[in-house]
C-alpha atoms as a PDB file:
ATOM      1  CA  MET A   1      96.119  32.824 114.810  1.00  0.00           C
ATOM      2  CA  LYS A   2      98.502  35.447 116.203  1.00  0.00           C
ATOM      3  CA  LEU A   3      97.623  39.081 115.595  1.00  0.00           C
ATOM      4  CA  LEU A   4      99.890  42.068 116.222  1.00  0.00           C
ATOM      5  CA  PHE A   5      98.514  45.580 116.694  1.00  0.00           C
ATOM      6  CA  VAL A   6     101.086  48.396 116.939  1.00  0.00           C
ATOM      7  CA  GLY A   7     100.229  51.702 118.590  1.00  0.00           C
ATOM      8  CA  ASP A   8     100.255  55.115 116.916  1.00  0.00           C
ATOM      9  CA  VAL A   9     103.427  55.521 114.860  1.00  0.00           C
ATOM     10  CA  PHE A  10     104.798  59.017 115.426  1.00  0.00           C
ATOM     11  CA  GLY A  11     107.024  60.676 112.835  1.00  0.00           C
ATOM     12  CA  ARG A  12     110.295  59.459 111.336  1.00  0.00           C
ATOM     13  CA  PRO A  13     111.625  57.928 114.599  1.00  0.00           C
ATOM     14  CA  GLY A  14     108.548  55.729 114.946  1.00  0.00           C
ATOM     15  CA  ARG A  15     108.572  54.685 111.290  1.00  0.00           C
ATOM     16  CA  VAL A  16     112.251  53.783 111.255  1.00  0.00           C
ATOM     17  CA  ALA A  17     112.081  51.803 114.498  1.00  0.00           C
ATOM     18  CA  LEU A  18     108.993  49.899 113.399  1.00  0.00           C
ATOM     19  CA  LEU A  19     110.401  48.944 110.002  1.00  0.00           C
ATOM     20  CA  GLU A  20     113.673  47.774 111.540  1.00  0.00           C
ATOM     21  CA  TRP A  21     111.950  45.724 114.245  1.00  0.00           C
ATOM     22  CA  LEU A  22     108.868  44.287 112.555  1.00  0.00           C
ATOM     23  CA  PRO A  23     110.208  41.774 109.983  1.00  0.00           C
ATOM     24  CA  GLY A  24     112.356  39.913 112.517  1.00  0.00           C
ATOM     25  CA  TYR A  25     109.702  39.947 115.229  1.00  0.00           C
ATOM     26  CA  ARG A  26     107.000  38.787 112.835  1.00  0.00           C
ATOM     27  CA  ALA A  27     109.102  35.850 111.659  1.00  0.00           C
ATOM     28  CA  GLU A  28     110.372  34.911 115.118  1.00  0.00           C
ATOM     29  CA  GLN A  29     106.931  35.002 116.769  1.00  0.00           C
ATOM     30  CA  GLY A  30     104.951  33.566 113.875  1.00  0.00           C
ATOM     31  CA  ILE A  31     102.678  36.588 113.580  1.00  0.00           C
ATOM     32  CA  ASP A  32      99.902  35.963 111.059  1.00  0.00           C
ATOM     33  CA  PHE A  33      98.487  39.483 110.678  1.00  0.00           C
ATOM     34  CA  VAL A  34      99.766  42.971 111.512  1.00  0.00           C
ATOM     35  CA  VAL A  35      97.689  46.120 112.043  1.00  0.00           C
ATOM     36  CA  VAL A  36      99.397  49.472 112.667  1.00  0.00           C
ATOM     37  CA  ASN A  37      97.837  52.822 113.501  1.00  0.00           C
ATOM     38  CA  GLY A  38      99.691  55.236 111.215  1.00  0.00           C
ATOM     39  CA  GLU A  39      97.776  58.482 111.592  1.00  0.00           C
ATOM     40  CA  ASN A  40     100.790  60.403 112.968  1.00  0.00           C
ATOM     41  CA  ALA A  41     103.448  58.814 110.770  1.00  0.00           C
ATOM     42  CA  ALA A  42     104.038  61.956 108.644  1.00  0.00           C
ATOM     43  CA  ASN A  43     105.969  64.301 110.932  1.00  0.00           C
ATOM     44  CA  GLY A  44     103.458  63.678 113.705  1.00  0.00           C
ATOM     45  CA  ALA A  45     100.447  64.870 111.698  1.00  0.00           C
ATOM     46  CA  GLY A  46      98.681  62.531 109.309  1.00  0.00           C
ATOM     47  CA  ILE A  47     100.129  60.087 106.804  1.00  0.00           C
ATOM     48  CA  THR A  48     101.228  60.329 103.156  1.00  0.00           C
ATOM     49  CA  SER A  49     100.835  57.737 100.429  1.00  0.00           C
ATOM     50  CA  LYS A  50     104.631  57.321 100.246  1.00  0.00           C
ATOM     51  CA  ILE A  51     104.876  56.595 103.957  1.00  0.00           C
ATOM     52  CA  ALA A  52     101.847  54.304 103.844  1.00  0.00           C
ATOM     53  CA  ARG A  53     103.382  52.246 101.041  1.00  0.00           C
ATOM     54  CA  LYS A  54     106.681  51.927 102.911  1.00  0.00           C
ATOM     55  CA  LEU A  55     104.894  50.628 105.991  1.00  0.00           C
ATOM     56  CA  LEU A  56     102.760  48.224 103.970  1.00  0.00           C
ATOM     57  CA  ASP A  57     105.792  46.978 102.053  1.00  0.00           C
ATOM     58  CA  GLY A  58     107.629  46.548 105.358  1.00  0.00           C
ATOM     59  CA  GLY A  59     105.324  43.915 106.824  1.00  0.00           C
ATOM     60  CA  VAL A  60     102.136  45.764 107.785  1.00  0.00           C
ATOM     61  CA  ASP A  61      98.892  44.213 106.530  1.00  0.00           C
ATOM     62  CA  VAL A  62      96.463  47.023 107.386  1.00  0.00           C
ATOM     63  CA  LEU A  63      96.935  50.648 108.440  1.00  0.00           C
ATOM     64  CA  THR A  64      94.321  52.300 110.640  1.00  0.00           C
ATOM     65  CA  THR A  65      94.092  56.054 111.192  1.00  0.00           C
ATOM     66  CA  GLY A  66      92.152  58.571 113.281  1.00  0.00           C
ATOM     67  CA  ASN A  67      91.284  62.218 113.714  1.00  0.00           C
ATOM     68  CA  HIS A  68      94.473  63.443 111.970  1.00  0.00           C
ATOM     69  CA  VAL A  69      93.860  61.430 108.822  1.00  0.00           C
ATOM     70  CA  TRP A  70      92.981  64.544 106.765  1.00  0.00           C
ATOM     71  CA  ARG A  71      96.128  66.517 107.696  1.00  0.00           C
ATOM     72  CA  GLN A  72      97.943  65.480 104.493  1.00  0.00           C
ATOM     73  CA  ARG A  73      95.681  66.082 101.500  1.00  0.00           C
ATOM     74  CA  GLU A  74      98.015  64.147  99.223  1.00  0.00           C
ATOM     75  CA  VAL A  75      96.880  60.877 100.828  1.00  0.00           C
ATOM     76  CA  PHE A  76      93.204  61.313  99.917  1.00  0.00           C
ATOM     77  CA  ALA A  77      93.472  59.400  96.623  1.00  0.00           C
ATOM     78  CA  PHE A  78      95.411  56.599  98.310  1.00  0.00           C
ATOM     79  CA  LEU A  79      92.727  56.290 100.988  1.00  0.00           C
ATOM     80  CA  ALA A  80      90.101  55.946  98.268  1.00  0.00           C
ATOM     81  CA  GLU A  81      92.015  53.437  96.164  1.00  0.00           C
ATOM     82  CA  ASP A  82      93.922  51.110  98.496  1.00  0.00           C
ATOM     83  CA  GLU A  83      92.022  48.610 100.638  1.00  0.00           C
ATOM     84  CA  ARG A  84      94.971  48.185 103.008  1.00  0.00           C
ATOM     85  CA  ILE A  85      94.310  51.508 104.761  1.00  0.00           C
ATOM     86  CA  VAL A  86      91.158  52.586 106.604  1.00  0.00           C
ATOM     87  CA  ARG A  87      89.867  55.799 108.145  1.00  0.00           C
ATOM     88  CA  PRO A  88      87.170  56.175 110.829  1.00  0.00           C
ATOM     89  CA  ALA A  89      83.909  54.762 109.510  1.00  0.00           C
ATOM     90  CA  ASN A  90      81.830  57.382 111.317  1.00  0.00           C
ATOM     91  CA  TYR A  91      83.190  60.220 109.205  1.00  0.00           C
ATOM     92  CA  PRO A  92      80.824  61.432 106.444  1.00  0.00           C
ATOM     93  CA  PRO A  93      80.212  58.856 103.674  1.00  0.00           C
ATOM     94  CA  ALA A  94      81.551  61.260 101.034  1.00  0.00           C
ATOM     95  CA  SER A  95      84.968  61.325 102.755  1.00  0.00           C
ATOM     96  CA  PRO A  96      87.737  59.507 100.865  1.00  0.00           C
ATOM     97  CA  GLY A  97      88.347  55.928 101.874  1.00  0.00           C
ATOM     98  CA  ARG A  98      86.572  53.270 103.894  1.00  0.00           C
ATOM     99  CA  GLY A  99      86.092  52.350 107.535  1.00  0.00           C
ATOM    100  CA  LEU A 100      86.114  48.576 107.078  1.00  0.00           C
ATOM    101  CA  THR A 101      88.449  46.343 105.146  1.00  0.00           C
ATOM    102  CA  VAL A 102      89.035  42.602 104.882  1.00  0.00           C
ATOM    103  CA  ARG A 103      92.519  41.320 104.073  1.00  0.00           C
ATOM    104  CA  PRO A 104      94.132  37.861 104.062  1.00  0.00           C
ATOM    105  CA  ALA A 105      96.375  36.711 106.905  1.00  0.00           C
ATOM    106  CA  ALA A 106      99.608  34.854 106.226  1.00  0.00           C
ATOM    107  CA  ASP A 107      97.724  31.583 105.687  1.00  0.00           C
ATOM    108  CA  GLY A 108      95.012  33.197 103.570  1.00  0.00           C
ATOM    109  CA  THR A 109      92.406  33.394 106.342  1.00  0.00           C
ATOM    110  CA  PRO A 110      90.391  36.627 106.001  1.00  0.00           C
ATOM    111  CA  VAL A 111      90.704  39.207 108.770  1.00  0.00           C
ATOM    112  CA  ALA A 112      88.366  42.191 109.028  1.00  0.00           C
ATOM    113  CA  VAL A 113      89.557  45.522 110.442  1.00  0.00           C
ATOM    114  CA  VAL A 114      87.118  48.255 111.515  1.00  0.00           C
ATOM    115  CA  ASP A 115      88.257  51.822 112.219  1.00  0.00           C
ATOM    116  CA  LEU A 116      86.157  54.143 114.401  1.00  0.00           C
ATOM    117  CA  ALA A 117      86.644  57.546 116.032  1.00  0.00           C
ATOM    118  CA  GLY A 118      85.291  58.434 119.444  1.00  0.00           C
ATOM    119  CA  SER A 119      82.612  61.083 119.888  1.00  0.00           C
ATOM    120  CA  LEU A 120      83.571  62.445 123.333  1.00  0.00           C
ATOM    121  CA  TYR A 121      85.943  65.447 123.131  1.00  0.00           C
ATOM    122  CA  MET A 122      86.572  64.768 119.431  1.00  0.00           C
ATOM    123  CA  ASP A 123      85.004  66.207 116.289  1.00  0.00           C
ATOM    124  CA  SER A 124      84.176  62.856 114.747  1.00  0.00           C
ATOM    125  CA  GLY A 125      80.589  63.306 113.637  1.00  0.00           C
ATOM    126  CA  LEU A 126      78.318  60.309 114.185  1.00  0.00           C
ATOM    127  CA  SER A 127      78.704  58.372 117.429  1.00  0.00           C
ATOM    128  CA  PRO A 128      80.551  55.091 116.807  1.00  0.00           C
ATOM    129  CA  PHE A 129      77.837  53.245 118.734  1.00  0.00           C
ATOM    130  CA  ARG A 130      75.259  54.249 116.123  1.00  0.00           C
ATOM    131  CA  LEU A 131      76.912  52.339 113.268  1.00  0.00           C
ATOM    132  CA  VAL A 132      79.162  49.700 114.812  1.00  0.00           C
ATOM    133  CA  ASP A 133      76.458  47.003 114.755  1.00  0.00           C
ATOM    134  CA  ARG A 134      76.114  47.305 110.976  1.00  0.00           C
ATOM    135  CA  LEU A 135      79.884  47.273 110.520  1.00  0.00           C
ATOM    136  CA  VAL A 136      80.313  44.183 112.683  1.00  0.00           C
ATOM    137  CA  ASP A 137      77.589  42.354 110.748  1.00  0.00           C
ATOM    138  CA  GLU A 138      79.228  43.369 107.470  1.00  0.00           C
ATOM    139  CA  ALA A 139      82.612  42.237 108.742  1.00  0.00           C
ATOM    140  CA  HIS A 140      81.325  38.852 109.919  1.00  0.00           C
ATOM    141  CA  ALA A 141      79.779  38.209 106.524  1.00  0.00           C
ATOM    142  CA  GLN A 142      83.361  38.063 105.228  1.00  0.00           C
ATOM    143  CA  ALA A 143      85.558  36.999 108.158  1.00  0.00           C
ATOM    144  CA  ALA A 144      85.417  35.258 111.540  1.00  0.00           C
ATOM    145  CA  THR A 145      88.252  37.373 112.912  1.00  0.00           C
ATOM    146  CA  VAL A 146      87.301  41.032 113.444  1.00  0.00           C
ATOM    147  CA  ILE A 147      89.565  43.726 114.918  1.00  0.00           C
ATOM    148  CA  VAL A 148      88.122  47.109 115.955  1.00  0.00           C
ATOM    149  CA  ASP A 149      90.362  50.171 116.416  1.00  0.00           C
ATOM    150  CA  LEU A 150      88.506  52.810 118.444  1.00  0.00           C
ATOM    151  CA  HIS A 151      90.535  56.017 118.134  1.00  0.00           C
ATOM    152  CA  ALA A 152      89.172  57.986 121.059  1.00  0.00           C
ATOM    153  CA  GLU A 153      90.031  60.475 123.787  1.00  0.00           C
ATOM    154  CA  ALA A 154      87.768  59.252 126.574  1.00  0.00           C
ATOM    155  CA  THR A 155      88.697  56.052 128.369  1.00  0.00           C
ATOM    156  CA  SER A 156      85.050  55.553 129.333  1.00  0.00           C
ATOM    157  CA  GLU A 157      83.978  55.477 125.686  1.00  0.00           C
ATOM    158  CA  LYS A 158      86.588  52.860 124.841  1.00  0.00           C
ATOM    159  CA  VAL A 159      85.787  50.689 127.861  1.00  0.00           C
ATOM    160  CA  ALA A 160      82.085  50.873 127.025  1.00  0.00           C
ATOM    161  CA  MET A 161      82.756  49.833 123.428  1.00  0.00           C
ATOM    162  CA  GLY A 162      84.778  46.872 124.618  1.00  0.00           C
ATOM    163  CA  HIS A 163      81.883  45.618 126.725  1.00  0.00           C
ATOM    164  CA  TYR A 164      79.334  46.427 124.021  1.00  0.00           C
ATOM    165  CA  LEU A 165      81.192  44.300 121.471  1.00  0.00           C
ATOM    166  CA  ASP A 166      82.348  41.573 123.864  1.00  0.00           C
ATOM    167  CA  GLY A 167      81.678  38.187 122.302  1.00  0.00           C
ATOM    168  CA  ARG A 168      80.975  39.708 118.895  1.00  0.00           C
ATOM    169  CA  VAL A 169      84.471  40.675 117.730  1.00  0.00           C
ATOM    170  CA  THR A 170      87.953  39.294 118.259  1.00  0.00           C
ATOM    171  CA  ALA A 171      89.487  42.479 119.633  1.00  0.00           C
ATOM    172  CA  VAL A 172      88.690  46.061 120.569  1.00  0.00           C
ATOM    173  CA  VAL A 173      91.905  48.071 120.659  1.00  0.00           C
ATOM    174  CA  GLY A 174      91.959  51.703 121.792  1.00  0.00           C
ATOM    175  CA  THR A 175      94.300  54.247 120.244  1.00  0.00           C
ATOM    176  CA  HIS A 176      94.887  58.049 120.247  1.00  0.00           C
ATOM    177  CA  THR A 177      96.285  59.006 123.683  1.00  0.00           C
ATOM    178  CA  HIS A 178      99.822  57.681 122.975  1.00  0.00           C
ATOM    179  CA  VAL A 179     100.057  56.314 126.539  1.00  0.00           C
ATOM    180  CA  GLN A 180      99.685  52.570 127.003  1.00  0.00           C
ATOM    181  CA  THR A 181      97.142  51.516 129.625  1.00  0.00           C
ATOM    182  CA  SER A 182      97.602  48.553 131.965  1.00  0.00           C
ATOM    183  CA  ASP A 183      94.239  46.873 131.385  1.00  0.00           C
ATOM    184  CA  ALA A 184      94.936  44.419 128.556  1.00  0.00           C
ATOM    185  CA  ARG A 185      92.708  41.386 129.088  1.00  0.00           C
ATOM    186  CA  VAL A 186      90.304  39.006 127.433  1.00  0.00           C
ATOM    187  CA  LEU A 187      86.761  40.036 128.352  1.00  0.00           C
ATOM    188  CA  PRO A 188      84.260  37.389 129.554  1.00  0.00           C
ATOM    189  CA  GLY A 189      82.756  36.871 126.097  1.00  0.00           C
ATOM    190  CA  GLY A 190      86.088  36.236 124.398  1.00  0.00           C
ATOM    191  CA  THR A 191      87.052  39.675 123.068  1.00  0.00           C
ATOM    192  CA  ALA A 192      90.619  40.900 123.617  1.00  0.00           C
ATOM    193  CA  TYR A 193      90.650  44.449 124.949  1.00  0.00           C
ATOM    194  CA  ILE A 194      92.994  47.305 125.860  1.00  0.00           C
ATOM    195  CA  THR A 195      91.932  50.914 126.468  1.00  0.00           C
ATOM    196  CA  ASP A 196      94.969  52.334 124.681  1.00  0.00           C
ATOM    197  CA  VAL A 197      97.777  50.393 123.062  1.00  0.00           C
ATOM    198  CA  GLY A 198     100.126  53.402 123.258  1.00  0.00           C
ATOM    199  CA  MET A 199     102.644  54.951 120.869  1.00  0.00           C
ATOM    200  CA  THR A 200     105.561  53.986 118.669  1.00  0.00           C
ATOM    201  CA  GLY A 201     107.740  57.075 118.764  1.00  0.00           C
ATOM    202  CA  PRO A 202     110.425  59.009 120.652  1.00  0.00           C
ATOM    203  CA  LEU A 203     110.746  57.956 124.282  1.00  0.00           C
ATOM    204  CA  GLU A 204     112.039  61.251 125.698  1.00  0.00           C
ATOM    205  CA  SER A 205     109.198  63.413 124.440  1.00  0.00           C
ATOM    206  CA  VAL A 206     105.686  64.527 125.315  1.00  0.00           C
ATOM    207  CA  ILE A 207     103.643  61.988 123.361  1.00  0.00           C
ATOM    208  CA  GLY A 208     106.044  62.376 120.425  1.00  0.00           C
ATOM    209  CA  VAL A 209     106.689  66.130 120.454  1.00  0.00           C
ATOM    210  CA  ARG A 210     109.877  67.787 121.726  1.00  0.00           C
ATOM    211  CA  THR A 211     109.579  68.149 125.489  1.00  0.00           C
ATOM    212  CA  ASP A 212     110.865  71.736 125.634  1.00  0.00           C
ATOM    213  CA  ILE A 213     108.184  72.907 123.215  1.00  0.00           C
ATOM    214  CA  ILE A 214     105.324  71.372 125.181  1.00  0.00           C
ATOM    215  CA  VAL A 215     106.643  72.525 128.538  1.00  0.00           C
ATOM    216  CA  GLN A 216     106.992  76.055 127.147  1.00  0.00           C
ATOM    217  CA  ARG A 217     103.422  75.919 125.892  1.00  0.00           C
ATOM    218  CA  PHE A 218     102.087  75.006 129.314  1.00  0.00           C
ATOM    219  CA  VAL A 219     104.264  77.512 131.156  1.00  0.00           C
ATOM    220  CA  THR A 220     103.536  80.471 128.877  1.00  0.00           C
ATOM    221  CA  GLU A 221     100.049  79.418 127.704  1.00  0.00           C
ATOM    222  CA  MET A 222     101.118  80.644 124.254  1.00  0.00           C
ATOM    223  CA  PRO A 223     100.807  78.714 120.972  1.00  0.00           C
ATOM    224  CA  GLN A 224     103.893  76.771 119.933  1.00  0.00           C
ATOM    225  CA  ARG A 225     104.832  75.050 116.693  1.00  0.00           C
ATOM    226  CA  PHE A 226     105.062  71.334 117.378  1.00  0.00           C
ATOM    227  CA  GLU A 227     108.177  69.445 116.258  1.00  0.00           C
ATOM    228  CA  VAL A 228     108.852  65.729 116.453  1.00  0.00           C
ATOM    229  CA  GLU A 229     111.621  64.749 118.870  1.00  0.00           C
ATOM    230  CA  GLU A 230     114.159  63.277 116.454  1.00  0.00           C
ATOM    231  CA  GLU A 231     116.863  62.202 118.914  1.00  0.00           C
ATOM    232  CA  GLY A 232     117.168  59.382 121.412  1.00  0.00           C
ATOM    233  CA  PRO A 233     115.576  55.968 121.884  1.00  0.00           C
ATOM    234  CA  VAL A 234     112.158  54.960 120.604  1.00  0.00           C
ATOM    235  CA  ARG A 235     109.452  53.217 122.574  1.00  0.00           C
ATOM    236  CA  LEU A 236     107.328  50.711 120.703  1.00  0.00           C
ATOM    237  CA  ASP A 237     103.924  49.891 122.169  1.00  0.00           C
ATOM    238  CA  ALA A 238     101.848  47.025 120.812  1.00  0.00           C
ATOM    239  CA  VAL A 239      99.622  44.109 121.721  1.00  0.00           C
ATOM    240  CA  VAL A 240      99.847  40.495 120.569  1.00  0.00           C
ATOM    241  CA  ILE A 241      96.508  38.705 120.431  1.00  0.00           C
ATOM    242  CA  ALA A 242      96.005  34.950 120.146  1.00  0.00           C
ATOM    243  CA  ALA A 243      92.694  33.845 118.644  1.00  0.00           C
ATOM    244  CA  GLU A 244      90.949  30.673 117.547  1.00  0.00           C
ATOM    245  CA  GLY A 245      87.976  30.822 115.206  1.00  0.00           C
ATOM    246  CA  GLY A 246      87.659  34.545 115.799  1.00  0.00           C
ATOM    247  CA  VAL A 247      87.581  34.194 119.598  1.00  0.00           C
ATOM    248  CA  ALA A 248      90.474  35.713 121.542  1.00  0.00           C
ATOM    249  CA  THR A 249      92.305  33.379 123.930  1.00  0.00           C
ATOM    250  CA  ALA A 250      95.056  35.745 125.112  1.00  0.00           C
ATOM    251  CA  ILE A 251      96.368  39.291 124.816  1.00  0.00           C
ATOM    252  CA  GLU A 252      99.856  40.479 125.759  1.00  0.00           C
ATOM    253  CA  ALA A 253     100.940  44.111 125.895  1.00  0.00           C
ATOM    254  CA  LEU A 254     104.410  45.009 124.595  1.00  0.00           C
ATOM    255  CA  ASP A 255     106.249  48.114 125.791  1.00  0.00           C
ATOM    256  CA  LEU A 256     109.717  48.044 124.240  1.00  0.00           C
ATOM    257  CA  VAL A 257     112.547  50.551 124.083  1.00  0.00           C
ATOM    258  CA  LEU A 258     114.492  50.313 120.821  1.00  0.00           C
END
């Protein structure tokens, strides 16, 4: 099985580039299942139901999110109703949506996707380590292939989660920082791992936002209104994971300029 995980889609540039690139790449490479982190797809802050549907109709099997998932209130009902989108499982149980979903791959094989938020430097509530065991057991009751998206600030927390789940899940993929790390590898127990898959958004920007705005913020130390950089090329960061029977055999990082 070949799995594709695409890093945080940022604003209109990221959405457009992904939807233009994905169908051809999926067909050419024989990708069986696609997961995309879409938490910044709506103008760099959250996701809407309209955008989510466009991404899902464009070849995405499951959308994961993160700490910005609540920025667009309109999406709350969609989170609650559609099993193709997940939000961090360690948010309060009364929050709209779910943190685990199971969806069929291209050949009908079930694939489980778990979404978690980090606890270091993020207001995510319960530590992901306190509930991930239950989620993994629940996932394995339905699927051999299990992908975990840990949306976290601290690299140490993501590395620790990779080792904690090594041999128990197919992949632990870090998101949130929008900068791809160079440590993609299969851990000793057979779990594919990368600390952060990166971002799908404007190349000449500061993690998606217009460079002049962010530079001005640092220079003046005054609040600035963030705006997505709408011009120029887009970088697309992703990982392709090969797996057999739920065990990862390879992981390749993609860092493309479109």
